[in-house]
Protein backbone atom coordinates (compact mmCIF):
# COMPACT_ATOMS: atom_id res chain seq x y z
CA UNK A 1 281.73 95.94 69.52
CA UNK A 2 279.45 97.54 66.79
CA UNK A 3 276.12 95.17 65.97
CA UNK A 4 276.37 93.87 62.25
CA UNK A 5 273.64 92.66 60.39
CA UNK A 6 273.24 91.72 56.63
CA UNK A 7 270.68 94.25 54.76
CA UNK A 8 268.71 92.32 52.27
CA UNK A 9 268.70 95.94 50.60
CA UNK A 10 272.23 96.45 50.07
CA UNK A 11 273.63 92.58 50.06
CA UNK A 12 276.24 93.13 52.97
CA UNK A 13 276.54 93.62 56.37
CA UNK A 14 276.63 96.86 57.93
CA UNK A 15 276.74 98.28 61.24
CA UNK A 16 273.71 98.48 63.30
CA UNK A 17 272.60 102.90 64.47
CA UNK A 18 270.09 103.51 65.32
CA UNK A 19 267.38 105.83 63.60
CA UNK A 20 266.56 106.97 67.10
CA UNK A 21 269.15 106.65 70.13
CA UNK A 22 269.14 103.47 72.43
CA UNK A 23 265.49 103.09 70.68
CA UNK A 24 264.84 100.06 68.04
CA UNK A 25 261.39 99.82 65.93
CA UNK A 26 260.72 96.19 64.44
CA UNK A 27 257.71 95.24 62.00
CA UNK A 28 257.47 91.46 61.62
CA UNK A 29 255.23 89.98 58.89
CA UNK A 30 252.97 87.45 60.43
CA UNK A 31 250.79 84.44 59.29
CA UNK A 32 247.41 84.45 57.70
CA UNK A 33 245.50 82.75 60.08
CA UNK A 34 243.52 80.12 57.79
CA UNK A 35 245.14 77.10 59.50
CA UNK A 36 247.92 76.05 62.28
CA UNK A 37 251.04 77.42 62.18
CA UNK A 38 253.78 75.19 60.60
CA UNK A 39 257.22 75.20 60.67
CA UNK A 40 257.61 77.25 58.51
CA UNK A 41 255.95 79.83 60.19
CA UNK A 42 257.88 79.21 63.42
CA UNK A 43 261.27 80.16 61.90
CA UNK A 44 260.97 83.81 61.11
CA UNK A 45 259.22 84.37 64.59
CA UNK A 46 261.49 82.27 66.87
CA UNK A 47 264.58 84.04 64.74
CA UNK A 48 262.84 87.81 65.43
CA UNK A 49 262.14 86.79 69.46
CA UNK A 50 266.12 85.62 69.59
CA UNK A 51 266.93 89.48 67.54
CA UNK A 52 264.84 91.01 70.34
CA UNK A 53 266.04 89.32 72.97
CA UNK A 54 269.56 90.27 72.04
CA UNK A 55 268.52 93.72 71.57
CA UNK A 56 266.56 94.53 74.87
CA UNK A 57 270.23 92.75 76.32
CA UNK A 58 272.24 95.18 74.56
CA UNK A 59 270.19 98.20 76.67
CA UNK A 60 267.64 98.90 73.53
CA UNK A 61 263.88 99.95 73.79
CA UNK A 62 262.46 97.52 71.66
CA UNK A 63 258.90 98.32 70.36
CA UNK A 64 257.87 95.19 68.11
CA UNK A 65 254.82 94.93 65.97
CA UNK A 66 253.99 92.22 64.02
CA UNK A 67 250.53 91.91 61.92
CA UNK A 68 247.46 89.10 61.61
CA UNK A 69 246.52 89.43 57.71
CA UNK A 70 243.32 88.46 58.79
CA UNK A 71 241.61 89.77 55.13
CA UNK A 72 243.13 87.24 52.51
CA UNK A 73 241.39 84.97 49.57
CA UNK A 74 242.70 81.41 52.25
CA UNK A 75 240.50 82.41 54.90
CA UNK A 76 237.66 83.66 52.51
CA UNK A 77 237.74 79.99 51.01
CA UNK A 78 237.81 78.02 53.98
CA UNK A 79 235.32 80.04 55.70
CA UNK A 80 233.16 79.14 52.33
CA UNK A 81 234.57 75.47 53.06
CA UNK A 82 233.49 75.43 55.91
CA UNK A 83 230.31 77.54 56.22
CA UNK A 84 230.91 79.64 59.13
CA UNK A 85 232.18 83.43 58.94
CA UNK A 86 235.51 84.30 57.46
CA UNK A 87 235.83 86.38 61.26
CA UNK A 88 235.42 83.18 63.05
CA UNK A 89 238.29 81.10 61.27
CA UNK A 90 240.58 83.61 62.01
CA UNK A 91 239.74 83.83 65.70
CA UNK A 92 240.29 80.18 65.84
CA UNK A 93 243.71 80.44 64.28
CA UNK A 94 244.42 83.31 65.92
CA UNK A 95 244.05 81.79 68.87
CA UNK A 96 246.18 78.29 67.93
CA UNK A 97 249.38 81.10 66.89
CA UNK A 98 249.29 82.13 70.28
CA UNK A 99 249.08 78.42 71.84
CA UNK A 100 251.80 77.24 69.84
CA UNK A 101 253.92 80.23 69.86
CA UNK A 102 253.78 80.73 73.89
CA UNK A 103 255.07 77.11 74.16
CA UNK A 104 257.64 77.85 72.00
CA UNK A 105 258.84 80.75 74.47
CA UNK A 106 258.32 83.32 72.20
CA UNK A 107 257.49 86.43 73.57
CA UNK A 108 254.74 87.99 72.55
CA UNK A 109 255.27 91.45 70.14
CA UNK A 110 253.75 94.61 71.98
CA UNK A 111 251.68 94.96 69.05
CA UNK A 112 249.14 92.56 66.85
CA UNK A 113 247.59 94.92 64.61
CA UNK A 114 244.55 93.06 62.06
CA UNK A 115 243.77 94.18 58.61
CA UNK A 116 240.11 94.47 59.49
CA UNK A 117 240.71 97.01 62.05
CA UNK A 118 242.27 99.27 59.85
CA UNK A 119 240.01 99.21 56.58
CA UNK A 120 239.78 102.94 57.20
CA UNK A 121 243.60 103.87 57.55
CA UNK A 122 244.23 101.59 54.43
CA UNK A 123 241.53 103.42 52.17
CA UNK A 124 243.60 106.68 53.00
CA UNK A 125 247.02 105.10 51.97
CA UNK A 126 245.69 104.50 48.90
CA UNK A 127 244.02 107.61 48.51
CA UNK A 128 246.57 109.22 49.19
CA UNK A 129 249.20 107.27 46.54
CA UNK A 130 245.94 108.24 43.81
CA UNK A 131 246.77 111.83 44.69
CA UNK A 132 250.69 111.87 44.20
CA UNK A 133 250.38 110.00 40.65
CA UNK A 134 251.52 106.45 42.27
CA UNK A 135 248.34 104.59 41.56
CA UNK A 136 244.89 104.33 39.61
CA UNK A 137 241.26 103.36 39.62
CA UNK A 138 239.68 100.96 37.14
CA UNK A 139 236.34 100.01 37.78
CA UNK A 140 236.33 99.75 41.38
CA UNK A 141 240.02 97.63 41.46
CA UNK A 142 242.81 100.03 42.52
CA UNK A 143 246.27 99.50 41.34
CA UNK A 144 249.97 100.72 41.80
CA UNK A 145 251.85 101.50 39.00
CA UNK A 146 254.94 100.49 39.24
CA UNK A 147 256.78 102.48 36.54
CA UNK A 148 255.85 105.72 38.63
CA UNK A 149 258.43 103.81 41.66
CA UNK A 150 262.16 104.57 39.90
CA UNK A 151 263.43 102.47 43.22
CA UNK A 152 261.55 99.12 42.07
CA UNK A 153 262.85 95.94 42.37
CA UNK A 154 266.28 97.17 44.17
CA UNK A 155 264.99 95.30 47.28
CA UNK A 156 264.79 91.80 45.48
CA UNK A 157 268.03 92.78 43.10
CA UNK A 158 265.11 92.56 39.49
CA UNK A 159 265.07 94.70 37.04
CA UNK A 160 261.85 96.26 36.26
CA UNK A 161 262.34 95.98 32.11
CA UNK A 162 262.94 92.21 32.58
CA UNK A 163 260.46 91.80 34.97
CA UNK A 164 258.02 93.39 32.36
CA UNK A 165 259.15 91.34 29.18
CA UNK A 166 258.76 87.30 31.13
CA UNK A 167 255.28 88.91 32.39
CA UNK A 168 252.21 87.00 31.22
CA UNK A 169 249.66 89.83 29.66
CA UNK A 170 246.34 88.97 29.61
CA UNK A 171 244.18 90.15 26.76
CA UNK A 172 241.22 91.58 29.03
CA UNK A 173 243.58 93.05 31.55
CA UNK A 174 243.12 96.52 32.35
CA UNK A 175 246.43 97.52 34.18
CA UNK A 176 248.18 99.78 32.23
CA UNK A 177 251.45 97.54 32.85
CA UNK A 178 251.44 93.59 33.55
CA UNK A 179 253.54 94.03 36.79
CA UNK A 180 251.23 96.61 38.31
CA UNK A 181 249.75 95.23 41.77
CA UNK A 182 246.06 95.68 43.61
CA UNK A 183 246.05 98.04 46.17
CA UNK A 184 242.04 97.51 46.65
CA UNK A 185 239.56 95.14 45.10
CA UNK A 186 236.15 95.59 44.16
CA UNK A 187 234.14 92.95 46.09
CA UNK A 188 232.73 89.87 44.90
CA UNK A 189 229.73 87.59 45.60
CA UNK A 190 230.86 85.79 49.00
CA UNK A 191 233.73 87.91 49.97
CA UNK A 192 233.63 89.96 52.99
CA UNK A 193 233.33 94.00 51.68
CA UNK A 194 233.96 97.61 53.04
CA UNK A 195 232.95 100.68 51.74
CA UNK A 196 235.21 102.99 49.70
CA UNK A 197 235.42 105.67 47.58
CA UNK A 198 235.75 103.14 44.27
CA UNK A 199 232.57 100.97 45.36
CA UNK A 200 232.30 98.36 47.77
CA UNK A 201 235.67 96.41 48.44
CA UNK A 202 238.62 94.90 50.15
CA UNK A 203 242.50 95.62 50.71
CA UNK A 204 245.18 93.71 48.19
CA UNK A 205 247.48 91.81 50.42
CA UNK A 206 250.37 94.39 50.00
CA UNK A 207 249.22 97.62 51.02
CA UNK A 208 247.85 96.43 55.07
CA UNK A 209 251.79 96.21 55.96
CA UNK A 210 252.73 99.44 54.70
CA UNK A 211 249.72 101.25 56.50
CA UNK A 212 249.80 99.07 59.71
CA UNK A 213 253.49 99.55 60.00
CA UNK A 214 253.58 103.64 59.29
CA UNK A 215 250.79 104.03 61.70
CA UNK A 216 252.54 102.51 64.29
CA UNK A 217 256.65 102.90 64.22
CA UNK A 218 256.38 105.83 61.81
CA UNK A 219 257.16 106.96 58.20
CA UNK A 220 260.88 105.14 58.70
CA UNK A 221 261.93 102.34 60.84
CA UNK A 222 265.00 100.36 61.60
CA UNK A 223 264.26 96.75 60.96
CA UNK A 224 261.44 94.65 59.00
CA UNK A 225 261.82 90.86 58.81
CA UNK A 226 259.94 87.91 57.16
CA UNK A 227 261.10 84.68 55.24
CA UNK A 228 263.17 85.08 52.10
CA UNK A 229 259.58 83.93 50.54
CA UNK A 230 258.48 87.32 50.72
CA UNK A 231 261.19 89.36 49.49
CA UNK A 232 259.54 89.46 46.22
CA UNK A 233 256.92 90.86 45.82
CA UNK A 234 255.59 91.62 49.07
CA UNK A 235 257.99 93.74 50.40
CA UNK A 236 259.24 95.61 47.23
CA UNK A 237 255.95 96.36 46.84
CA UNK A 238 256.01 97.24 50.79
CA UNK A 239 258.47 99.92 50.12
CA UNK A 240 257.11 101.22 46.60
CA UNK A 241 254.02 102.30 48.63
CA UNK A 242 255.23 102.92 51.29
CA UNK A 243 257.90 105.30 49.77
CA UNK A 244 255.32 106.39 47.33
CA UNK A 245 253.05 107.53 50.03
CA UNK A 246 255.67 109.80 52.09
CA UNK A 247 258.59 110.44 49.64
CA UNK A 248 260.73 109.15 52.95
CA UNK A 249 263.72 106.62 51.36
CA UNK A 250 264.46 104.91 53.00
CA UNK A 251 261.14 103.19 53.84
CA UNK A 252 263.28 100.76 56.52
CA UNK A 253 266.65 100.92 57.36
CA UNK A 254 267.90 97.05 58.04
CA UNK A 255 265.45 94.23 55.55
CA UNK A 256 266.23 90.68 57.25
CA UNK A 257 264.88 87.68 55.83
CA UNK A 258 265.49 84.28 57.06
CA UNK A 259 266.23 81.06 54.70
CA UNK A 260 263.90 78.54 53.54
CA UNK A 261 263.22 75.39 55.35
CA UNK A 262 263.26 71.75 53.45
CA UNK A 263 262.18 68.71 54.59
CA UNK A 264 264.27 66.14 54.50
CA UNK A 265 266.82 68.04 51.52
CA UNK A 266 263.05 68.68 49.33
CA UNK A 267 261.38 72.41 49.35
CA UNK A 268 258.71 71.84 51.65
CA UNK A 269 255.01 71.95 50.09
CA UNK A 270 251.65 71.03 50.60
CA UNK A 271 251.59 69.17 46.82
CA UNK A 272 254.85 67.20 48.28
CA UNK A 273 252.83 65.69 51.50
CA UNK A 274 256.00 66.77 53.88
CA UNK A 275 254.19 70.12 55.00
CA UNK A 276 254.51 70.33 58.83
CA UNK A 277 252.67 71.78 61.48
CA UNK A 278 254.26 72.69 64.72
CA UNK A 279 251.31 71.07 66.91
CA UNK A 280 251.76 68.01 65.08
CA UNK A 281 255.69 68.38 65.85
CA UNK A 282 254.93 68.88 69.39
CA UNK A 283 252.75 65.58 70.07
CA UNK A 284 256.54 64.37 69.73
CA UNK A 285 259.10 66.33 70.85
CA UNK A 286 259.45 69.11 73.63
CA UNK A 287 259.04 72.69 72.22
CA UNK A 288 262.32 73.48 73.27
CA UNK A 289 263.58 70.87 71.21
CA UNK A 290 262.02 72.55 68.38
CA UNK A 291 263.21 76.11 69.39
CA UNK A 292 266.73 74.74 69.80
CA UNK A 293 266.76 73.42 66.87
CA UNK A 294 265.79 76.03 64.54
CA UNK A 295 268.27 78.43 66.21
CA UNK A 296 271.43 75.35 66.00
CA UNK A 297 271.48 76.82 62.31
CA UNK A 298 272.12 80.84 61.08
CA UNK A 299 268.70 82.13 60.26
CA UNK A 300 270.09 83.17 56.85
CA UNK A 301 271.00 79.83 55.88
CA UNK A 302 268.87 77.24 54.79
CA UNK A 303 267.09 74.94 57.83
CA UNK A 304 267.14 70.50 56.56
CA UNK A 305 263.74 69.22 58.62
CA UNK A 306 263.73 65.99 59.57
CA UNK A 307 263.09 63.55 62.47
CA UNK A 308 266.92 62.81 62.84
CA UNK A 309 267.95 66.35 62.91
CA UNK A 310 265.47 67.06 65.21
CA UNK A 311 266.99 63.69 67.68
CA UNK A 312 270.48 65.92 67.20
CA UNK A 313 268.94 68.32 68.48
CA UNK A 314 267.22 66.64 71.30
CA UNK A 315 270.23 65.29 72.49
CA UNK A 316 272.99 68.41 72.07
CA UNK A 317 269.79 70.18 74.46
CA UNK A 318 269.77 67.09 77.23
CA UNK A 319 273.89 67.67 77.17
CA UNK A 320 273.61 71.88 78.15
CA UNK A 321 270.71 70.81 80.74
CA UNK A 322 273.28 67.98 82.08
CA UNK A 323 275.69 70.63 82.86
CA UNK A 324 272.75 73.25 84.37
CA UNK A 325 272.02 70.35 86.74
CA UNK A 326 275.84 70.02 87.64
CA UNK A 327 276.12 73.64 87.97
CA UNK A 328 273.34 73.77 90.33
CA UNK A 329 274.85 71.07 92.32
CA UNK A 330 278.28 72.85 92.64
CA UNK A 331 275.69 75.69 93.99
CA UNK A 332 274.24 73.55 96.62
CA UNK A 333 278.02 72.74 97.98
CA UNK A 334 279.94 74.77 100.68
CA UNK A 335 281.95 77.61 98.88
CA UNK A 336 285.31 77.62 98.99
CA UNK A 337 287.73 80.00 98.56
CA UNK A 338 289.40 80.96 94.64
CA UNK A 339 292.46 78.58 94.01
CA UNK A 340 295.22 79.00 90.86
CA UNK A 341 292.86 76.31 89.54
CA UNK A 342 289.31 77.96 89.55
CA UNK A 343 291.38 81.12 88.08
CA UNK A 344 291.85 79.60 85.12
CA UNK A 345 288.56 78.59 84.54
CA UNK A 346 287.37 81.73 85.55
CA UNK A 347 289.09 83.13 82.60
CA UNK A 348 288.09 80.83 80.49
CA UNK A 349 283.85 81.57 81.29
CA UNK A 350 285.03 85.03 80.96
CA UNK A 351 286.23 84.64 77.52
CA UNK A 352 283.32 82.10 76.36
CA UNK A 353 281.31 84.91 76.99
CA UNK A 354 282.90 87.36 75.31
CA UNK A 355 283.12 85.33 72.29
CA UNK A 356 279.40 84.34 72.60
CA UNK A 357 278.19 88.22 72.18
CA UNK A 358 280.47 88.30 69.51
CA UNK A 359 278.55 86.15 67.22
CA UNK A 360 275.63 87.39 68.52
CA UNK A 361 276.79 91.06 67.44
CA UNK A 362 278.10 89.32 63.83
CA UNK A 363 274.18 89.08 62.62
CA UNK A 364 272.74 87.30 65.05
CA UNK A 365 274.74 83.96 64.64
CA UNK A 366 273.13 81.79 66.53
CA UNK A 367 274.52 78.83 65.64
CA UNK A 368 278.28 79.98 66.45
CA UNK A 369 277.01 81.51 69.84
CA UNK A 370 275.37 78.26 70.81
CA UNK A 371 278.28 76.50 70.33
CA UNK A 372 280.46 78.81 73.14
CA UNK A 373 277.12 77.43 75.07
CA UNK A 374 279.08 73.69 74.86
CA UNK A 375 282.50 75.26 75.97
CA UNK A 376 280.62 76.83 78.73
CA UNK A 377 278.88 73.22 79.52
CA UNK A 378 282.20 71.30 78.82
CA UNK A 379 283.85 73.94 81.66
CA UNK A 380 281.21 73.43 83.82
CA UNK A 381 281.52 69.63 83.56
CA UNK A 382 284.80 69.51 83.90
CA UNK A 383 284.66 71.22 87.20
CA UNK A 384 282.09 69.36 88.53
CA UNK A 385 284.07 66.11 88.35
CA UNK A 386 286.93 67.40 89.70
CA UNK A 387 285.40 68.69 92.50
CA UNK A 388 283.39 65.83 93.06
CA UNK A 389 285.94 63.06 92.40
CA UNK A 390 288.36 65.09 95.11
CA UNK A 391 286.25 65.87 97.80
CA UNK A 392 287.13 69.25 97.14
CA UNK A 393 284.53 72.36 98.03
CA UNK A 394 284.24 74.94 94.55
CA UNK A 395 284.97 77.96 94.60
CA UNK A 396 282.27 79.82 95.38
CA UNK A 397 282.95 83.04 93.57
CA UNK A 398 283.36 81.18 90.41
CA UNK A 399 280.07 79.16 90.62
CA UNK A 400 278.08 82.47 90.91
CA UNK A 401 280.35 84.11 87.86
CA UNK A 402 279.08 80.30 85.94
CA UNK A 403 275.78 81.06 86.87
CA UNK A 404 275.62 84.72 85.72
CA UNK A 405 277.11 83.38 82.44
CA UNK A 406 275.11 80.55 81.29
CA UNK A 407 271.85 82.21 82.37
CA UNK A 408 272.93 85.02 80.39
CA UNK A 409 273.14 83.28 77.72
CA UNK A 410 270.15 80.77 78.31
CA UNK A 411 267.80 83.70 78.28
CA UNK A 412 269.55 85.20 74.58
CA UNK A 413 268.63 82.14 73.36
CA UNK A 414 265.62 80.91 75.39
CA UNK A 415 266.25 77.49 76.59
CA UNK A 416 266.38 76.07 79.96
CA UNK A 417 264.38 78.54 81.28
CA UNK A 418 261.52 77.30 83.42
CA UNK A 419 258.31 79.37 84.06
CA UNK A 420 256.63 79.27 87.31
CA UNK A 421 254.11 76.79 86.39
CA UNK A 422 257.01 74.72 84.71
CA UNK A 423 258.68 74.55 88.37
CA UNK A 424 255.89 74.07 90.28
CA UNK A 425 254.82 71.07 88.24
CA UNK A 426 258.25 70.07 88.24
CA UNK A 427 258.88 70.10 92.17
CA UNK A 428 255.98 68.68 93.09
CA UNK A 429 254.17 65.32 91.63
CA UNK A 430 257.67 64.09 89.41
CA UNK A 431 259.87 64.17 92.41
CA UNK A 432 258.05 62.65 94.62
CA UNK A 433 257.01 60.23 92.95
CA UNK A 434 260.68 59.37 91.70
CA UNK A 435 261.24 59.67 94.94
CA UNK A 436 259.38 56.98 95.92
CA UNK A 437 260.72 55.00 92.68
CA UNK A 438 264.35 55.90 93.96
CA UNK A 439 263.38 54.59 97.70
CA UNK A 440 262.31 51.36 96.35
CA UNK A 441 265.47 50.78 94.36
CA UNK A 442 268.09 51.73 97.11
CA UNK A 443 265.93 48.93 99.48
CA UNK A 444 266.38 46.57 96.17
CA UNK A 445 269.91 47.36 96.30
CA UNK A 446 270.34 47.30 100.41
CA UNK A 447 269.08 43.39 99.86
CA UNK A 448 271.91 42.78 97.64
CA UNK A 449 269.15 42.16 94.93
CA UNK A 450 271.66 44.55 91.98
CA UNK A 451 269.63 42.46 89.15
CA UNK A 452 266.16 43.61 90.04
CA UNK A 453 267.68 46.99 90.48
CA UNK A 454 269.69 47.47 87.25
CA UNK A 455 266.37 46.09 85.92
CA UNK A 456 264.15 48.59 87.23
CA UNK A 457 266.51 51.26 86.57
CA UNK A 458 266.72 50.07 82.61
CA UNK A 459 263.00 50.03 82.32
CA UNK A 460 262.73 53.64 83.66
CA UNK A 461 265.68 54.50 80.78
CA UNK A 462 263.28 52.76 78.29
CA UNK A 463 260.55 55.54 79.22
CA UNK A 464 262.44 58.40 79.17
CA UNK A 465 264.40 58.68 82.85
CA UNK A 466 267.86 58.52 83.18
CA UNK A 467 269.26 57.76 86.86
CA UNK A 468 272.53 58.91 88.25
CA UNK A 469 274.45 57.82 90.86
CA UNK A 470 276.73 60.04 92.27
CA UNK A 471 278.77 60.76 95.68
CA UNK A 472 275.96 63.20 96.61
CA UNK A 473 273.23 61.04 96.15
CA UNK A 474 270.88 59.56 93.21
CA UNK A 475 270.22 61.83 90.49
CA UNK A 476 266.93 61.50 87.90
CA UNK A 477 266.61 63.41 84.91
CA UNK A 478 264.21 63.00 81.69
């Protein structure tokens, strides 16, 4: 079954056909490091992490590039306000970006180019656009002439004449057309600047991604992604620059954009006071909960952020963890031969795997895929209850099959994964302390002081630790 993707450029789902057999090239617009990453930043990076995981699962060799816009007005303003170098601001918040995204289990891109490292490349791109007649210089500023590019507006579905009619034209504006945009900006006091054929200055916003994507991925590549807010003007201008520079059409074969995030059904913005940094969210919720919350909605749909939704995600994830624990307990039991009942379960598991993969192949529908994970969790729990309540031994071959499928699903979604460090921590102090507490409770029960034993269990529940009495002994979980 072919992978289908919704292409923003064509406004329809298309079969994915890589430019180069077996290989996929991806460029994702990264952050401007002037502050800590917010929830709106997290969504595209979680989304593209899953897309990359799935493409690799399907056997593709993926090259993933994601930039840092480390030359920008916001960075300059922050640096001036704090009285520090602009590069110090970038370094601080790039470090914050990696700290947060690592916690969310986002695989690192293969290349993280920065604008400040590619100034010479950017100057060459601008020179090429001038030579090809797509750009012009005015007193140290260089602008792109949108009227020279016939495909302008196709990505966003906008008409250039309508945009020009609605544009505000300043009396002293030196641009030939109000829709023309800056490729190079003449230096101003207090700003970083580099030498160029047009005098000292710095790059415009859009030219960086054109230059860096082509440098590392070529004149045309498979996927370009980012939030819906980047469709216009950023990605529209990228297309104009890249195709104007190379003459190669299309610049990108598949444009994918994730939906907006709202907060309690209102648009997220600093002015409304509903702008949430990821580091603040992670003070109250586990990173895996935030990741699961983001992926529980299809990437193209709006995502409403609220405490209630996060708590729902937390409870849903706990259900999957319970199934994972039950599966581990089944694996510890002596395996038996297949039965008619276990064969039915095996068929159900195979069907759920196919449905999960079909959902992922249909425009990376994580929401539907996760629903099949829950269906598999139910199969695990029902089988676990049947085995433990009847005293039977599980079908060893079935347990291996379920383990393989459950792990496959979890690894694509990027949840229920435990790093080596997590495993060491989880198996050391926590387990030792809980063994002591469970032992004390067992002694209390042996002395028939059931009220005190129940009170101890309730106290543990209040701090988020659940005790479960099972035929195999007492289990605990967070």
